[in-house]
PDB file of all heavy atoms in Angstrom:
ATOM      1  N   PHE A   1      67.841  73.843 -12.745  1.00  0.00           N
ATOM      2  CA  PHE A   1      66.836  74.897 -12.824  1.00  0.00           C
ATOM      3  C   PHE A   1      65.442  74.315 -12.647  1.00  0.00           C
ATOM      4  O   PHE A   1      65.092  73.322 -13.270  1.00  0.00           O
ATOM      5  CB  PHE A   1      66.941  75.612 -14.182  1.00  0.00           C
ATOM      6  CG  PHE A   1      66.412  77.012 -14.155  1.00  0.00           C
ATOM      7  CD1 PHE A   1      67.237  78.064 -13.803  1.00  0.00           C
ATOM      8  CD2 PHE A   1      65.089  77.279 -14.467  1.00  0.00           C
ATOM      9  CE1 PHE A   1      66.758  79.366 -13.765  1.00  0.00           C
ATOM     10  CE2 PHE A   1      64.601  78.577 -14.434  1.00  0.00           C
ATOM     11  CZ  PHE A   1      65.441  79.626 -14.085  1.00  0.00           C
ATOM     12  N   LEU A   2      64.654  74.925 -11.764  1.00  0.00           N
ATOM     13  CA  LEU A   2      63.249  74.599 -11.565  1.00  0.00           C
ATOM     14  C   LEU A   2      62.429  75.850 -11.874  1.00  0.00           C
ATOM     15  O   LEU A   2      62.984  76.951 -11.992  1.00  0.00           O
ATOM     16  CB  LEU A   2      62.987  74.207 -10.102  1.00  0.00           C
ATOM     17  CG  LEU A   2      63.686  72.966  -9.575  1.00  0.00           C
ATOM     18  CD1 LEU A   2      63.512  72.866  -8.061  1.00  0.00           C
ATOM     19  CD2 LEU A   2      63.111  71.730 -10.246  1.00  0.00           C
ATOM     20  N   SER A   3      61.122  75.717 -11.930  1.00  0.00           N
ATOM     21  CA  SER A   3      60.289  76.905 -12.154  1.00  0.00           C
ATOM     22  C   SER A   3      60.438  77.894 -11.002  1.00  0.00           C
ATOM     23  O   SER A   3      60.235  79.094 -11.181  1.00  0.00           O
ATOM     24  CB  SER A   3      58.824  76.503 -12.336  1.00  0.00           C
ATOM     25  OG  SER A   3      58.343  75.848 -11.173  1.00  0.00           O
ATOM     26  N   SER A   4      60.842  77.417  -9.826  1.00  0.00           N
ATOM     27  CA  SER A   4      61.020  78.285  -8.663  1.00  0.00           C
ATOM     28  C   SER A   4      62.440  78.836  -8.536  1.00  0.00           C
ATOM     29  O   SER A   4      62.747  79.558  -7.588  1.00  0.00           O
ATOM     30  CB  SER A   4      60.664  77.520  -7.386  1.00  0.00           C
ATOM     31  OG  SER A   4      61.481  76.374  -7.265  1.00  0.00           O
ATOM     32  N   THR A   5      63.301  78.512  -9.476  1.00  0.00           N
ATOM     33  CA  THR A   5      64.693  78.959  -9.445  1.00  0.00           C
ATOM     34  C   THR A   5      64.808  80.375  -9.990  1.00  0.00           C
ATOM     35  O   THR A   5      64.181  80.720 -10.998  1.00  0.00           O
ATOM     36  CB  THR A   5      65.585  78.006 -10.262  1.00  0.00           C
ATOM     37  OG1 THR A   5      65.509  76.702  -9.689  1.00  0.00           O
ATOM     38  CG2 THR A   5      67.031  78.457 -10.285  1.00  0.00           C
ATOM     39  N   LEU A   6      65.615  81.175  -9.324  1.00  0.00           N
ATOM     40  CA  LEU A   6      65.897  82.539  -9.772  1.00  0.00           C
ATOM     41  C   LEU A   6      67.334  82.575 -10.273  1.00  0.00           C
ATOM     42  O   LEU A   6      68.266  82.268  -9.529  1.00  0.00           O
ATOM     43  CB  LEU A   6      65.715  83.520  -8.615  1.00  0.00           C
ATOM     44  CG  LEU A   6      66.053  84.979  -8.876  1.00  0.00           C
ATOM     45  CD1 LEU A   6      65.148  85.559  -9.958  1.00  0.00           C
ATOM     46  CD2 LEU A   6      65.918  85.775  -7.588  1.00  0.00           C
ATOM     47  N   SER A   7      67.517  82.929 -11.541  1.00  0.00           N
ATOM     48  CA  SER A   7      68.854  83.050 -12.113  1.00  0.00           C
ATOM     49  C   SER A   7      69.447  84.380 -11.660  1.00  0.00           C
ATOM     50  O   SER A   7      68.816  85.424 -11.789  1.00  0.00           O
ATOM     51  CB  SER A   7      68.778  82.984 -13.635  1.00  0.00           C
ATOM     52  OG  SER A   7      70.065  83.109 -14.187  1.00  0.00           O
ATOM     53  N   ILE A   8      70.655  84.343 -11.117  1.00  0.00           N
ATOM     54  CA  ILE A   8      71.301  85.559 -10.632  1.00  0.00           C
ATOM     55  C   ILE A   8      72.190  86.116 -11.744  1.00  0.00           C
ATOM     56  O   ILE A   8      71.795  87.000 -12.470  1.00  0.00           O
ATOM     57  CB  ILE A   8      72.125  85.285  -9.348  1.00  0.00           C
ATOM     58  CG1 ILE A   8      71.226  84.699  -8.264  1.00  0.00           C
ATOM     59  CG2 ILE A   8      72.806  86.540  -8.855  1.00  0.00           C
ATOM     60  CD1 ILE A   8      70.064  85.565  -7.861  1.00  0.00           C
ATOM     61  N   LYS A   9      73.397  85.599 -11.866  1.00  0.00           N
ATOM     62  CA  LYS A   9      74.311  85.985 -12.939  1.00  0.00           C
ATOM     63  C   LYS A   9      75.551  85.118 -12.849  1.00  0.00           C
ATOM     64  O   LYS A   9      75.765  84.439 -11.848  1.00  0.00           O
ATOM     65  CB  LYS A   9      74.671  87.468 -12.891  1.00  0.00           C
ATOM     66  CG  LYS A   9      75.491  87.879 -11.672  1.00  0.00           C
ATOM     67  CD  LYS A   9      75.734  89.367 -11.612  1.00  0.00           C
ATOM     68  CE  LYS A   9      77.002  89.749 -12.309  1.00  0.00           C
ATOM     69  NZ  LYS A   9      77.395  91.132 -12.125  1.00  0.00           N
ATOM     70  N   ASN A  10      76.355  85.152 -13.872  1.00  0.00           N
ATOM     71  CA  ASN A  10      77.641  84.443 -13.885  1.00  0.00           C
ATOM     72  C   ASN A  10      77.525  82.978 -13.476  1.00  0.00           C
ATOM     73  O   ASN A  10      78.336  82.468 -12.728  1.00  0.00           O
ATOM     74  CB  ASN A  10      78.644  85.142 -12.966  1.00  0.00           C
ATOM     75  CG  ASN A  10      78.915  86.567 -13.362  1.00  0.00           C
ATOM     76  OD1 ASN A  10      78.729  86.943 -14.510  1.00  0.00           O
ATOM     77  ND2 ASN A  10      79.337  87.382 -12.420  1.00  0.00           N
ATOM     78  N   GLY A  11      76.482  82.282 -13.938  1.00  0.00           N
ATOM     79  CA  GLY A  11      76.345  80.863 -13.649  1.00  0.00           C
ATOM     80  C   GLY A  11      75.832  80.554 -12.258  1.00  0.00           C
ATOM     81  O   GLY A  11      76.001  79.440 -11.772  1.00  0.00           O
ATOM     82  N   ILE A  12      75.199  81.529 -11.586  1.00  0.00           N
ATOM     83  CA  ILE A  12      74.721  81.353 -10.224  1.00  0.00           C
ATOM     84  C   ILE A  12      73.201  81.483 -10.206  1.00  0.00           C
ATOM     85  O   ILE A  12      72.627  82.327 -10.887  1.00  0.00           O
ATOM     86  CB  ILE A  12      75.339  82.411  -9.288  1.00  0.00           C
ATOM     87  CG1 ILE A  12      76.864  82.303  -9.322  1.00  0.00           C
ATOM     88  CG2 ILE A  12      74.819  82.257  -7.860  1.00  0.00           C
ATOM     89  CD1 ILE A  12      77.573  83.479  -8.703  1.00  0.00           C
ATOM     90  N   ALA A  13      72.554  80.626  -9.404  1.00  0.00           N
ATOM     91  CA  ALA A  13      71.099  80.657  -9.273  1.00  0.00           C
ATOM     92  C   ALA A  13      70.728  80.426  -7.810  1.00  0.00           C
ATOM     93  O   ALA A  13      71.560  79.990  -7.003  1.00  0.00           O
ATOM     94  CB  ALA A  13      70.467  79.594 -10.163  1.00  0.00           C
ATOM     95  N   ILE A  14      69.470  80.716  -7.475  1.00  0.00           N
ATOM     96  CA  ILE A  14      68.955  80.509  -6.123  1.00  0.00           C
ATOM     97  C   ILE A  14      67.621  79.790  -6.228  1.00  0.00           C
ATOM     98  O   ILE A  14      66.767  80.163  -7.036  1.00  0.00           O
ATOM     99  CB  ILE A  14      68.746  81.840  -5.374  1.00  0.00           C
ATOM    100  CG1 ILE A  14      70.082  82.538  -5.131  1.00  0.00           C
ATOM    101  CG2 ILE A  14      68.032  81.611  -4.048  1.00  0.00           C
ATOM    102  CD1 ILE A  14      69.960  83.886  -4.460  1.00  0.00           C
ATOM    103  N   THR A  15      67.456  78.758  -5.405  1.00  0.00           N
ATOM    104  CA  THR A  15      66.183  78.054  -5.309  1.00  0.00           C
ATOM    105  C   THR A  15      65.813  77.956  -3.840  1.00  0.00           C
ATOM    106  O   THR A  15      66.658  77.626  -3.008  1.00  0.00           O
ATOM    107  CB  THR A  15      66.277  76.650  -5.937  1.00  0.00           C
ATOM    108  OG1 THR A  15      66.687  76.774  -7.303  1.00  0.00           O
ATOM    109  CG2 THR A  15      64.945  75.923  -5.882  1.00  0.00           C
ATOM    110  N   SER A  16      64.545  78.227  -3.536  1.00  0.00           N
ATOM    111  CA  SER A  16      64.134  78.220  -2.128  1.00  0.00           C
ATOM    112  C   SER A  16      63.026  77.211  -1.829  1.00  0.00           C
ATOM    113  O   SER A  16      62.355  77.319  -0.823  1.00  0.00           O
ATOM    114  CB  SER A  16      63.692  79.627  -1.705  1.00  0.00           C
ATOM    115  OG  SER A  16      62.608  80.048  -2.502  1.00  0.00           O
ATOM    116  N   THR A  17      62.839  76.239  -2.714  1.00  0.00           N
ATOM    117  CA  THR A  17      61.844  75.200  -2.452  1.00  0.00           C
ATOM    118  C   THR A  17      62.542  73.910  -2.035  1.00  0.00           C
ATOM    119  O   THR A  17      63.727  73.701  -2.331  1.00  0.00           O
ATOM    120  CB  THR A  17      60.976  74.928  -3.696  1.00  0.00           C
ATOM    121  OG1 THR A  17      61.819  74.503  -4.773  1.00  0.00           O
ATOM    122  CG2 THR A  17      60.204  76.173  -4.111  1.00  0.00           C
ATOM    123  N   LEU A  18      61.801  73.046  -1.356  1.00  0.00           N
ATOM    124  CA  LEU A  18      62.379  71.785  -0.877  1.00  0.00           C
ATOM    125  C   LEU A  18      62.789  70.846  -2.000  1.00  0.00           C
ATOM    126  O   LEU A  18      63.603  69.953  -1.783  1.00  0.00           O
ATOM    127  CB  LEU A  18      61.380  71.079   0.045  1.00  0.00           C
ATOM    128  CG  LEU A  18      61.156  71.737   1.400  1.00  0.00           C
ATOM    129  CD1 LEU A  18      60.045  71.018   2.158  1.00  0.00           C
ATOM    130  CD2 LEU A  18      62.439  71.743   2.207  1.00  0.00           C
ATOM    131  N   ASP A  19      62.258  71.047  -3.209  1.00  0.00           N
ATOM    132  CA  ASP A  19      62.586  70.173  -4.337  1.00  0.00           C
ATOM    133  C   ASP A  19      64.085  70.054  -4.557  1.00  0.00           C
ATOM    134  O   ASP A  19      64.590  68.977  -4.854  1.00  0.00           O
ATOM    135  CB  ASP A  19      61.943  70.699  -5.628  1.00  0.00           C
ATOM    136  CG  ASP A  19      60.438  70.802  -5.536  1.00  0.00           C
ATOM    137  OD1 ASP A  19      59.850  70.052  -4.744  1.00  0.00           O
ATOM    138  OD2 ASP A  19      59.861  71.638  -6.246  1.00  0.00           O
ATOM    139  N   ILE A  20      64.794  71.150  -4.396  1.00  0.00           N
ATOM    140  CA  ILE A  20      66.230  71.117  -4.660  1.00  0.00           C
ATOM    141  C   ILE A  20      66.964  70.256  -3.639  1.00  0.00           C
ATOM    142  O   ILE A  20      67.918  69.558  -3.969  1.00  0.00           O
ATOM    143  CB  ILE A  20      66.840  72.533  -4.758  1.00  0.00           C
ATOM    144  CG1 ILE A  20      68.274  72.441  -5.293  1.00  0.00           C
ATOM    145  CG2 ILE A  20      66.775  73.255  -3.427  1.00  0.00           C
ATOM    146  CD1 ILE A  20      68.882  73.747  -5.705  1.00  0.00           C
ATOM    147  N   LEU A  21      66.520  70.279  -2.395  1.00  0.00           N
ATOM    148  CA  LEU A  21      67.170  69.435  -1.380  1.00  0.00           C
ATOM    149  C   LEU A  21      66.985  67.963  -1.696  1.00  0.00           C
ATOM    150  O   LEU A  21      67.907  67.159  -1.548  1.00  0.00           O
ATOM    151  CB  LEU A  21      66.637  69.767   0.017  1.00  0.00           C
ATOM    152  CG  LEU A  21      66.913  71.188   0.506  1.00  0.00           C
ATOM    153  CD1 LEU A  21      66.286  71.393   1.882  1.00  0.00           C
ATOM    154  CD2 LEU A  21      68.393  71.479   0.536  1.00  0.00           C
ATOM    155  N   GLY A  22      65.791  67.591  -2.163  1.00  0.00           N
ATOM    156  CA  GLY A  22      65.553  66.204  -2.577  1.00  0.00           C
ATOM    157  C   GLY A  22      66.415  65.816  -3.760  1.00  0.00           C
ATOM    158  O   GLY A  22      66.972  64.715  -3.806  1.00  0.00           O
ATOM    159  N   ALA A  23      66.562  66.735  -4.718  1.00  0.00           N
ATOM    160  CA  ALA A  23      67.392  66.457  -5.900  1.00  0.00           C
ATOM    161  C   ALA A  23      68.856  66.301  -5.500  1.00  0.00           C
ATOM    162  O   ALA A  23      69.549  65.397  -5.997  1.00  0.00           O
ATOM    163  CB  ALA A  23      67.226  67.573  -6.924  1.00  0.00           C
ATOM    164  N   ILE A  24      69.336  67.138  -4.598  1.00  0.00           N
ATOM    165  CA  ILE A  24      70.722  67.018  -4.136  1.00  0.00           C
ATOM    166  C   ILE A  24      70.917  65.693  -3.424  1.00  0.00           C
ATOM    167  O   ILE A  24      71.892  64.975  -3.677  1.00  0.00           O
ATOM    168  CB  ILE A  24      71.093  68.214  -3.220  1.00  0.00           C
ATOM    169  CG1 ILE A  24      71.177  69.503  -4.046  1.00  0.00           C
ATOM    170  CG2 ILE A  24      72.412  67.947  -2.500  1.00  0.00           C
ATOM    171  CD1 ILE A  24      71.305  70.776  -3.209  1.00  0.00           C
ATOM    172  N   ALA A  25      69.991  65.329  -2.546  1.00  0.00           N
ATOM    173  CA  ALA A  25      70.092  64.060  -1.798  1.00  0.00           C
ATOM    174  C   ALA A  25      70.080  62.856  -2.730  1.00  0.00           C
ATOM    175  O   ALA A  25      70.746  61.848  -2.460  1.00  0.00           O
ATOM    176  CB  ALA A  25      68.954  63.964  -0.788  1.00  0.00           C
ATOM    177  N   ALA A  26      69.353  62.967  -3.846  1.00  0.00           N
ATOM    178  CA  ALA A  26      69.259  61.861  -4.804  1.00  0.00           C
ATOM    179  C   ALA A  26      70.372  61.882  -5.839  1.00  0.00           C
ATOM    180  O   ALA A  26      70.408  61.021  -6.725  1.00  0.00           O
ATOM    181  CB  ALA A  26      67.902  61.907  -5.504  1.00  0.00           C
ATOM    182  N   GLY A  27      71.279  62.853  -5.754  1.00  0.00           N
ATOM    183  CA  GLY A  27      72.377  62.945  -6.714  1.00  0.00           C
ATOM    184  C   GLY A  27      71.966  63.549  -8.042  1.00  0.00           C
ATOM    185  O   GLY A  27      72.676  63.410  -9.033  1.00  0.00           O
ATOM    186  N   ARG A  28      70.818  64.220  -8.108  1.00  0.00           N
ATOM    187  CA  ARG A  28      70.339  64.837  -9.350  1.00  0.00           C
ATOM    188  C   ARG A  28      70.348  66.356  -9.270  1.00  0.00           C
ATOM    189  O   ARG A  28      69.757  67.032 -10.104  1.00  0.00           O
ATOM    190  CB  ARG A  28      68.915  64.372  -9.650  1.00  0.00           C
ATOM    191  CG  ARG A  28      68.776  62.878  -9.905  1.00  0.00           C
ATOM    192  CD  ARG A  28      67.345  62.549 -10.183  1.00  0.00           C
ATOM    193  NE  ARG A  28      66.570  63.440  -9.357  1.00  0.00           N
ATOM    194  CZ  ARG A  28      65.629  63.169  -8.448  1.00  0.00           C
ATOM    195  NH1 ARG A  28      65.242  62.140  -8.293  1.00  0.00           N
ATOM    196  NH2 ARG A  28      65.019  63.988  -7.692  1.00  0.00           N
ATOM    197  N   GLY A  29      70.986  66.900  -8.254  1.00  0.00           N
ATOM    198  CA  GLY A  29      70.990  68.342  -8.047  1.00  0.00           C
ATOM    199  C   GLY A  29      72.062  69.048  -8.852  1.00  0.00           C
ATOM    200  O   GLY A  29      72.676  68.479  -9.752  1.00  0.00           O
ATOM    201  N   PRO A  30      72.310  70.292  -8.523  1.00  0.00           N
ATOM    202  CA  PRO A  30      73.315  71.085  -9.238  1.00  0.00           C
ATOM    203  C   PRO A  30      74.739  70.584  -8.954  1.00  0.00           C
ATOM    204  O   PRO A  30      74.980  69.926  -7.944  1.00  0.00           O
ATOM    205  CB  PRO A  30      73.111  72.491  -8.669  1.00  0.00           C
ATOM    206  CG  PRO A  30      72.476  72.283  -7.337  1.00  0.00           C
ATOM    207  CD  PRO A  30      71.654  71.050  -7.455  1.00  0.00           C
ATOM    208  N   LYS A  31      75.627  70.947  -9.847  1.00  0.00           N
ATOM    209  CA  LYS A  31      77.045  70.585  -9.703  1.00  0.00           C
ATOM    210  C   LYS A  31      77.612  71.159  -8.406  1.00  0.00           C
ATOM    211  O   LYS A  31      78.351  70.508  -7.689  1.00  0.00           O
ATOM    212  CB  LYS A  31      77.814  71.100 -10.918  1.00  0.00           C
ATOM    213  CG  LYS A  31      79.321  71.004 -10.839  1.00  0.00           C
ATOM    214  CD  LYS A  31      79.983  71.709 -12.011  1.00  0.00           C
ATOM    215  CE  LYS A  31      79.741  73.176 -11.870  1.00  0.00           C
ATOM    216  NZ  LYS A  31      80.541  74.101 -12.574  1.00  0.00           N
ATOM    217  N   SER A  32      77.254  72.399  -8.093  1.00  0.00           N
ATOM    218  CA  SER A  32      77.738  73.084  -6.896  1.00  0.00           C
ATOM    219  C   SER A  32      76.559  73.697  -6.168  1.00  0.00           C
ATOM    220  O   SER A  32      75.630  74.208  -6.796  1.00  0.00           O
ATOM    221  CB  SER A  32      78.719  74.196  -7.269  1.00  0.00           C
ATOM    222  OG  SER A  32      79.822  73.696  -7.985  1.00  0.00           O
ATOM    223  N   ALA A  33      76.606  73.652  -4.831  1.00  0.00           N
ATOM    224  CA  ALA A  33      75.503  74.225  -4.054  1.00  0.00           C
ATOM    225  C   ALA A  33      75.977  74.618  -2.665  1.00  0.00           C
ATOM    226  O   ALA A  33      76.910  74.033  -2.121  1.00  0.00           O
ATOM    227  CB  ALA A  33      74.360  73.221  -3.947  1.00  0.00           C
ATOM    228  N   MET A  34      75.310  75.631  -2.120  1.00  0.00           N
ATOM    229  CA  MET A  34      75.561  76.066  -0.748  1.00  0.00           C
ATOM    230  C   MET A  34      74.201  76.376  -0.123  1.00  0.00           C
ATOM    231  O   MET A  34      73.438  77.191  -0.660  1.00  0.00           O
ATOM    232  CB  MET A  34      76.450  77.310  -0.723  1.00  0.00           C
ATOM    233  CG  MET A  34      76.696  77.824   0.677  1.00  0.00           C
ATOM    234  SD  MET A  34      77.900  79.177   0.795  1.00  0.00           S
ATOM    235  CE  MET A  34      77.301  80.345  -0.390  1.00  0.00           C
ATOM    236  N   VAL A  35      73.901  75.712   0.980  1.00  0.00           N
ATOM    237  CA  VAL A  35      72.648  75.950   1.677  1.00  0.00           C
ATOM    238  C   VAL A  35      72.839  77.132   2.624  1.00  0.00           C
ATOM    239  O   VAL A  35      73.825  77.191   3.362  1.00  0.00           O
ATOM    240  CB  VAL A  35      72.203  74.694   2.465  1.00  0.00           C
ATOM    241  CG1 VAL A  35      70.943  74.966   3.255  1.00  0.00           C
ATOM    242  CG2 VAL A  35      72.005  73.516   1.509  1.00  0.00           C
ATOM    243  N   ALA A  36      71.909  78.066   2.584  1.00  0.00           N
ATOM    244  CA  ALA A  36      71.980  79.246   3.445  1.00  0.00           C
ATOM    245  C   ALA A  36      70.702  79.316   4.279  1.00  0.00           C
ATOM    246  O   ALA A  36      69.599  79.215   3.754  1.00  0.00           O
ATOM    247  CB  ALA A  36      72.133  80.501   2.601  1.00  0.00           C
ATOM    248  N   LEU A  37      70.887  79.471   5.566  1.00  0.00           N
ATOM    249  CA  LEU A  37      69.760  79.609   6.484  1.00  0.00           C
ATOM    250  C   LEU A  37      69.922  80.916   7.238  1.00  0.00           C
ATOM    251  O   LEU A  37      71.026  81.289   7.614  1.00  0.00           O
ATOM    252  CB  LEU A  37      69.725  78.452   7.489  1.00  0.00           C
ATOM    253  CG  LEU A  37      69.579  77.057   6.913  1.00  0.00           C
ATOM    254  CD1 LEU A  37      69.748  76.014   8.005  1.00  0.00           C
ATOM    255  CD2 LEU A  37      68.232  76.905   6.235  1.00  0.00           C
TER     256      LEU A  37
END
């Protein structure tokens, strides 16, 4: 969760800032993720 993260429901969230991509690349991101373009 970041300040830019939107909590949806049932354990699901959405983040649209580049910070999350850096965290995923560094192994510090969420347990599960799907990039949508």
